[in-house]
Amino acid sequence: MVSFKIHKLREYVSSQFRWAPHTSGLATVRQKDYEMVGEVEALSAYALFNQLRETPNELRVGDLLELPDGTLRIFKFVGLEEAAWFVPPPRPDAAVTDSVSA
């Protein structure tokens, strides 16, 4: 059995996600848009989906599963796809910027 962390998509962004056009490939998601609600063991991600079906914790489109190695899977209308947390680019240091412009 594998232990999956479940990250639920917050309500304020769920409708945006549902109506957005489907894109294939790696989905980049923001941590602020998700809430970790627990950890559940299952044989696979699809087994977990079926296990939680028709329960209060049912997985919805946009929800994430985090595997023990840190990889993410996002539920889309077409199934599970790879996802990764958004990592903002490093901000330029103010001191470096000032010395360049001088």
N, C-alpha and C. Protein backbone atom coordinates (compact mmCIF):
# COMPACT_ATOMS: atom_id res chain seq x y z
N MET A 1 0.84 -1.19 0.00
CA MET A 1 0.00 0.00 0.00
C MET A 1 0.89 1.25 0.00
N VAL A 2 0.38 2.26 -0.65
CA VAL A 2 1.08 3.54 -0.76
C VAL A 2 0.29 4.57 0.02
N SER A 3 1.00 5.45 0.71
CA SER A 3 0.36 6.51 1.48
C SER A 3 0.34 7.78 0.63
N PHE A 4 -0.87 8.28 0.34
CA PHE A 4 -1.05 9.48 -0.47
C PHE A 4 -1.49 10.64 0.41
N LYS A 5 -0.85 11.79 0.23
CA LYS A 5 -1.34 13.02 0.87
C LYS A 5 -2.34 13.64 -0.09
N ILE A 6 -3.48 14.07 0.44
CA ILE A 6 -4.52 14.65 -0.39
C ILE A 6 -4.54 16.16 -0.21
N HIS A 7 -4.42 16.87 -1.32
CA HIS A 7 -4.48 18.33 -1.34
C HIS A 7 -5.74 18.72 -2.10
N LYS A 8 -6.68 19.35 -1.42
CA LYS A 8 -7.94 19.77 -2.04
C LYS A 8 -7.80 21.18 -2.61
N LEU A 9 -8.32 21.35 -3.82
CA LEU A 9 -8.34 22.66 -4.45
C LEU A 9 -9.33 23.55 -3.71
N ARG A 10 -8.88 24.74 -3.35
CA ARG A 10 -9.76 25.66 -2.62
C ARG A 10 -10.92 26.10 -3.51
N GLU A 11 -12.06 26.36 -2.87
CA GLU A 11 -13.29 26.69 -3.59
C GLU A 11 -13.14 27.91 -4.51
N TYR A 12 -12.39 28.92 -4.07
CA TYR A 12 -12.32 30.15 -4.85
C TYR A 12 -11.61 29.99 -6.19
N VAL A 13 -10.89 28.89 -6.39
CA VAL A 13 -10.24 28.66 -7.69
C VAL A 13 -10.80 27.43 -8.42
N SER A 14 -11.67 26.68 -7.78
CA SER A 14 -12.14 25.45 -8.40
C SER A 14 -12.93 25.70 -9.68
N SER A 15 -13.78 26.72 -9.70
CA SER A 15 -14.55 26.98 -10.92
C SER A 15 -13.64 27.44 -12.07
N GLN A 16 -12.61 28.22 -11.75
CA GLN A 16 -11.66 28.65 -12.78
C GLN A 16 -10.97 27.42 -13.39
N PHE A 17 -10.58 26.49 -12.53
CA PHE A 17 -9.88 25.29 -13.00
C PHE A 17 -10.80 24.44 -13.87
N ARG A 18 -12.04 24.27 -13.42
CA ARG A 18 -12.99 23.43 -14.17
C ARG A 18 -13.28 23.97 -15.56
N TRP A 19 -13.33 25.30 -15.70
CA TRP A 19 -13.69 25.88 -16.99
C TRP A 19 -12.48 26.20 -17.86
N ALA A 20 -11.29 26.02 -17.34
CA ALA A 20 -10.08 26.28 -18.14
C ALA A 20 -9.93 25.19 -19.21
N PRO A 21 -9.37 25.53 -20.37
CA PRO A 21 -9.17 24.50 -21.40
C PRO A 21 -8.17 23.45 -20.93
N HIS A 22 -8.39 22.22 -21.36
CA HIS A 22 -7.49 21.14 -20.98
C HIS A 22 -6.15 21.31 -21.68
N THR A 23 -5.09 21.16 -20.92
CA THR A 23 -3.75 21.18 -21.49
C THR A 23 -3.07 19.88 -21.11
N SER A 24 -2.29 19.35 -22.01
CA SER A 24 -1.57 18.12 -21.69
C SER A 24 -0.18 18.47 -21.19
N GLY A 25 0.45 17.52 -20.58
CA GLY A 25 1.79 17.75 -20.05
C GLY A 25 1.75 18.14 -18.58
N LEU A 26 2.87 18.54 -18.09
CA LEU A 26 3.03 18.88 -16.68
C LEU A 26 2.17 20.10 -16.30
N ALA A 27 1.37 19.94 -15.27
CA ALA A 27 0.56 21.05 -14.76
C ALA A 27 1.32 21.72 -13.62
N THR A 28 1.42 23.03 -13.66
CA THR A 28 2.08 23.77 -12.59
C THR A 28 1.00 24.37 -11.70
N VAL A 29 1.07 24.06 -10.39
CA VAL A 29 0.04 24.48 -9.45
C VAL A 29 0.65 25.30 -8.32
N ARG A 30 -0.15 26.18 -7.75
CA ARG A 30 0.32 27.04 -6.65
C ARG A 30 -0.14 26.47 -5.32
N GLN A 31 0.77 26.41 -4.37
CA GLN A 31 0.45 25.86 -3.06
C GLN A 31 -0.65 26.64 -2.36
N LYS A 32 -0.74 27.95 -2.60
CA LYS A 32 -1.75 28.76 -1.93
C LYS A 32 -3.17 28.39 -2.36
N ASP A 33 -3.29 27.71 -3.50
CA ASP A 33 -4.61 27.31 -4.01
C ASP A 33 -5.08 25.97 -3.45
N TYR A 34 -4.27 25.34 -2.61
CA TYR A 34 -4.59 24.01 -2.10
C TYR A 34 -4.52 23.95 -0.58
N GLU A 35 -5.27 23.01 -0.05
CA GLU A 35 -5.28 22.75 1.39
C GLU A 35 -5.06 21.26 1.60
N MET A 36 -4.03 20.90 2.37
CA MET A 36 -3.78 19.49 2.66
C MET A 36 -4.82 19.02 3.66
N VAL A 37 -5.58 17.98 3.30
CA VAL A 37 -6.69 17.55 4.15
C VAL A 37 -6.44 16.20 4.83
N GLY A 38 -5.39 15.54 4.47
CA GLY A 38 -5.11 14.27 5.14
C GLY A 38 -4.24 13.35 4.31
N GLU A 39 -4.09 12.15 4.85
CA GLU A 39 -3.26 11.14 4.23
C GLU A 39 -4.03 9.83 4.25
N VAL A 40 -4.05 9.14 3.11
CA VAL A 40 -4.81 7.90 2.99
C VAL A 40 -3.95 6.87 2.28
N GLU A 41 -4.08 5.61 2.71
CA GLU A 41 -3.36 4.53 2.07
C GLU A 41 -4.25 3.83 1.05
N ALA A 42 -3.65 3.49 -0.09
CA ALA A 42 -4.36 2.76 -1.14
C ALA A 42 -3.34 2.04 -2.01
N LEU A 43 -3.83 1.10 -2.81
CA LEU A 43 -2.94 0.35 -3.70
C LEU A 43 -2.40 1.21 -4.83
N SER A 44 -3.22 2.14 -5.32
CA SER A 44 -2.81 3.04 -6.41
C SER A 44 -3.65 4.31 -6.32
N ALA A 45 -3.30 5.27 -7.15
CA ALA A 45 -4.06 6.53 -7.16
C ALA A 45 -5.49 6.29 -7.63
N TYR A 46 -5.67 5.43 -8.61
CA TYR A 46 -7.02 5.15 -9.09
C TYR A 46 -7.82 4.36 -8.07
N ALA A 47 -7.14 3.47 -7.33
CA ALA A 47 -7.82 2.74 -6.25
C ALA A 47 -8.27 3.72 -5.17
N LEU A 48 -7.45 4.72 -4.89
CA LEU A 48 -7.82 5.75 -3.92
C LEU A 48 -9.04 6.54 -4.40
N PHE A 49 -9.05 6.89 -5.68
CA PHE A 49 -10.19 7.61 -6.27
C PHE A 49 -11.48 6.80 -6.04
N ASN A 50 -11.44 5.51 -6.33
CA ASN A 50 -12.62 4.66 -6.15
C ASN A 50 -12.98 4.47 -4.68
N GLN A 51 -11.97 4.39 -3.83
CA GLN A 51 -12.17 4.22 -2.38
C GLN A 51 -12.91 5.43 -1.79
N LEU A 52 -12.59 6.63 -2.27
CA LEU A 52 -13.20 7.85 -1.73
C LEU A 52 -14.47 8.27 -2.45
N ARG A 53 -14.80 7.58 -3.51
CA ARG A 53 -15.99 7.91 -4.31
C ARG A 53 -17.25 7.88 -3.45
N GLU A 54 -18.09 8.89 -3.62
CA GLU A 54 -19.36 9.03 -2.91
C GLU A 54 -19.20 9.11 -1.39
N THR A 55 -18.08 9.68 -0.95
CA THR A 55 -17.86 9.98 0.47
C THR A 55 -17.69 11.49 0.59
N PRO A 56 -17.73 12.03 1.81
CA PRO A 56 -17.51 13.48 1.96
C PRO A 56 -16.12 13.93 1.47
N ASN A 57 -15.16 13.02 1.42
CA ASN A 57 -13.80 13.36 0.98
C ASN A 57 -13.55 13.00 -0.48
N GLU A 58 -14.61 12.84 -1.26
CA GLU A 58 -14.47 12.47 -2.66
C GLU A 58 -13.54 13.42 -3.39
N LEU A 59 -12.69 12.87 -4.26
CA LEU A 59 -11.77 13.70 -5.03
C LEU A 59 -12.51 14.39 -6.16
N ARG A 60 -12.22 15.67 -6.34
CA ARG A 60 -12.85 16.47 -7.38
C ARG A 60 -11.80 16.86 -8.41
N VAL A 61 -12.26 17.29 -9.56
CA VAL A 61 -11.35 17.76 -10.60
C VAL A 61 -10.53 18.91 -10.03
N GLY A 62 -9.22 18.81 -10.18
CA GLY A 62 -8.31 19.84 -9.66
C GLY A 62 -7.60 19.43 -8.39
N ASP A 63 -8.10 18.41 -7.69
CA ASP A 63 -7.45 17.96 -6.45
C ASP A 63 -6.14 17.25 -6.77
N LEU A 64 -5.21 17.29 -5.81
CA LEU A 64 -3.89 16.70 -5.99
C LEU A 64 -3.68 15.52 -5.06
N LEU A 65 -2.90 14.57 -5.54
CA LEU A 65 -2.38 13.49 -4.70
C LEU A 65 -0.87 13.62 -4.68
N GLU A 66 -0.31 13.56 -3.48
CA GLU A 66 1.15 13.63 -3.34
C GLU A 66 1.65 12.26 -2.91
N LEU A 67 2.56 11.70 -3.67
CA LEU A 67 3.14 10.40 -3.35
C LEU A 67 4.25 10.58 -2.32
N PRO A 68 4.66 9.48 -1.67
CA PRO A 68 5.71 9.59 -0.64
C PRO A 68 7.01 10.20 -1.13
N ASP A 69 7.32 10.05 -2.42
CA ASP A 69 8.56 10.64 -2.94
C ASP A 69 8.41 12.12 -3.33
N GLY A 70 7.21 12.68 -3.08
CA GLY A 70 6.98 14.10 -3.34
C GLY A 70 6.39 14.41 -4.69
N THR A 71 6.28 13.43 -5.58
CA THR A 71 5.68 13.69 -6.88
C THR A 71 4.18 13.93 -6.73
N LEU A 72 3.65 14.75 -7.61
CA LEU A 72 2.24 15.13 -7.55
C LEU A 72 1.49 14.58 -8.76
N ARG A 73 0.24 14.25 -8.53
CA ARG A 73 -0.69 13.86 -9.59
C ARG A 73 -1.95 14.70 -9.41
N ILE A 74 -2.43 15.30 -10.50
CA ILE A 74 -3.61 16.14 -10.44
C ILE A 74 -4.76 15.43 -11.15
N PHE A 75 -5.94 15.50 -10.56
CA PHE A 75 -7.12 14.91 -11.18
C PHE A 75 -7.69 15.88 -12.19
N LYS A 76 -7.81 15.42 -13.43
CA LYS A 76 -8.42 16.18 -14.50
C LYS A 76 -9.57 15.36 -15.05
N PHE A 77 -10.32 15.92 -15.96
CA PHE A 77 -11.44 15.19 -16.55
C PHE A 77 -10.98 13.92 -17.26
N VAL A 78 -9.75 13.91 -17.74
CA VAL A 78 -9.23 12.77 -18.50
C VAL A 78 -8.50 11.77 -17.63
N GLY A 79 -8.35 12.02 -16.35
CA GLY A 79 -7.66 11.11 -15.44
C GLY A 79 -6.59 11.83 -14.64
N LEU A 80 -5.59 11.08 -14.26
CA LEU A 80 -4.49 11.63 -13.46
C LEU A 80 -3.35 12.06 -14.37
N GLU A 81 -2.81 13.24 -14.10
CA GLU A 81 -1.67 13.71 -14.86
C GLU A 81 -0.61 14.27 -13.91
N GLU A 82 0.61 14.39 -14.41
CA GLU A 82 1.70 14.92 -13.59
C GLU A 82 1.48 16.38 -13.26
N ALA A 83 1.95 16.76 -12.08
CA ALA A 83 1.88 18.16 -11.66
C ALA A 83 3.12 18.49 -10.85
N ALA A 84 3.38 19.78 -10.70
CA ALA A 84 4.50 20.25 -9.90
C ALA A 84 4.12 21.56 -9.25
N TRP A 85 4.66 21.80 -8.07
CA TRP A 85 4.41 23.08 -7.40
C TRP A 85 5.09 24.19 -8.18
N PHE A 86 4.43 25.33 -8.27
CA PHE A 86 5.00 26.53 -8.88
C PHE A 86 6.12 27.04 -7.99
N VAL A 87 7.26 27.29 -8.58
CA VAL A 87 8.40 27.87 -7.86
C VAL A 87 8.69 29.22 -8.50
N PRO A 88 8.45 30.32 -7.76
CA PRO A 88 8.67 31.63 -8.37
C PRO A 88 10.15 31.84 -8.67
N PRO A 89 10.43 32.60 -9.72
CA PRO A 89 11.83 32.88 -10.04
C PRO A 89 12.47 33.71 -8.93
N PRO A 90 13.75 33.55 -8.72
CA PRO A 90 14.40 34.32 -7.66
C PRO A 90 14.32 35.81 -7.95
N ARG A 91 14.08 36.57 -6.90
CA ARG A 91 14.01 38.03 -7.05
C ARG A 91 15.43 38.57 -7.08
N PRO A 92 15.68 39.49 -7.96
CA PRO A 92 17.01 40.08 -8.00
C PRO A 92 17.28 40.85 -6.70
N ASP A 93 18.47 40.73 -6.21
CA ASP A 93 18.85 41.42 -4.98
C ASP A 93 18.90 42.93 -5.24
N ALA A 94 18.32 43.70 -4.35
CA ALA A 94 18.28 45.16 -4.52
C ALA A 94 19.68 45.76 -4.57
N ALA A 95 20.60 45.23 -3.78
CA ALA A 95 21.97 45.77 -3.76
C ALA A 95 22.66 45.53 -5.09
N VAL A 96 22.46 44.37 -5.68
CA VAL A 96 23.07 44.06 -6.98
C VAL A 96 22.47 44.98 -8.04
N THR A 97 21.18 45.20 -8.02
CA THR A 97 20.50 46.05 -8.99
C THR A 97 21.01 47.49 -8.89
N ASP A 98 21.19 48.00 -7.66
CA ASP A 98 21.66 49.37 -7.45
C ASP A 98 23.08 49.55 -7.96
N SER A 99 23.94 48.57 -7.73
CA SER A 99 25.35 48.71 -8.15
C SER A 99 25.47 48.63 -9.67
N VAL A 100 24.57 47.91 -10.33
CA VAL A 100 24.60 47.81 -11.79
C VAL A 100 24.16 49.12 -12.41
N SER A 101 23.16 49.77 -11.84
CA SER A 101 22.65 51.01 -12.43
C SER A 101 23.52 52.21 -12.11
N ALA A 102 24.44 52.11 -11.19
CA ALA A 102 25.27 53.25 -10.80
C ALA A 102 26.38 53.52 -11.78
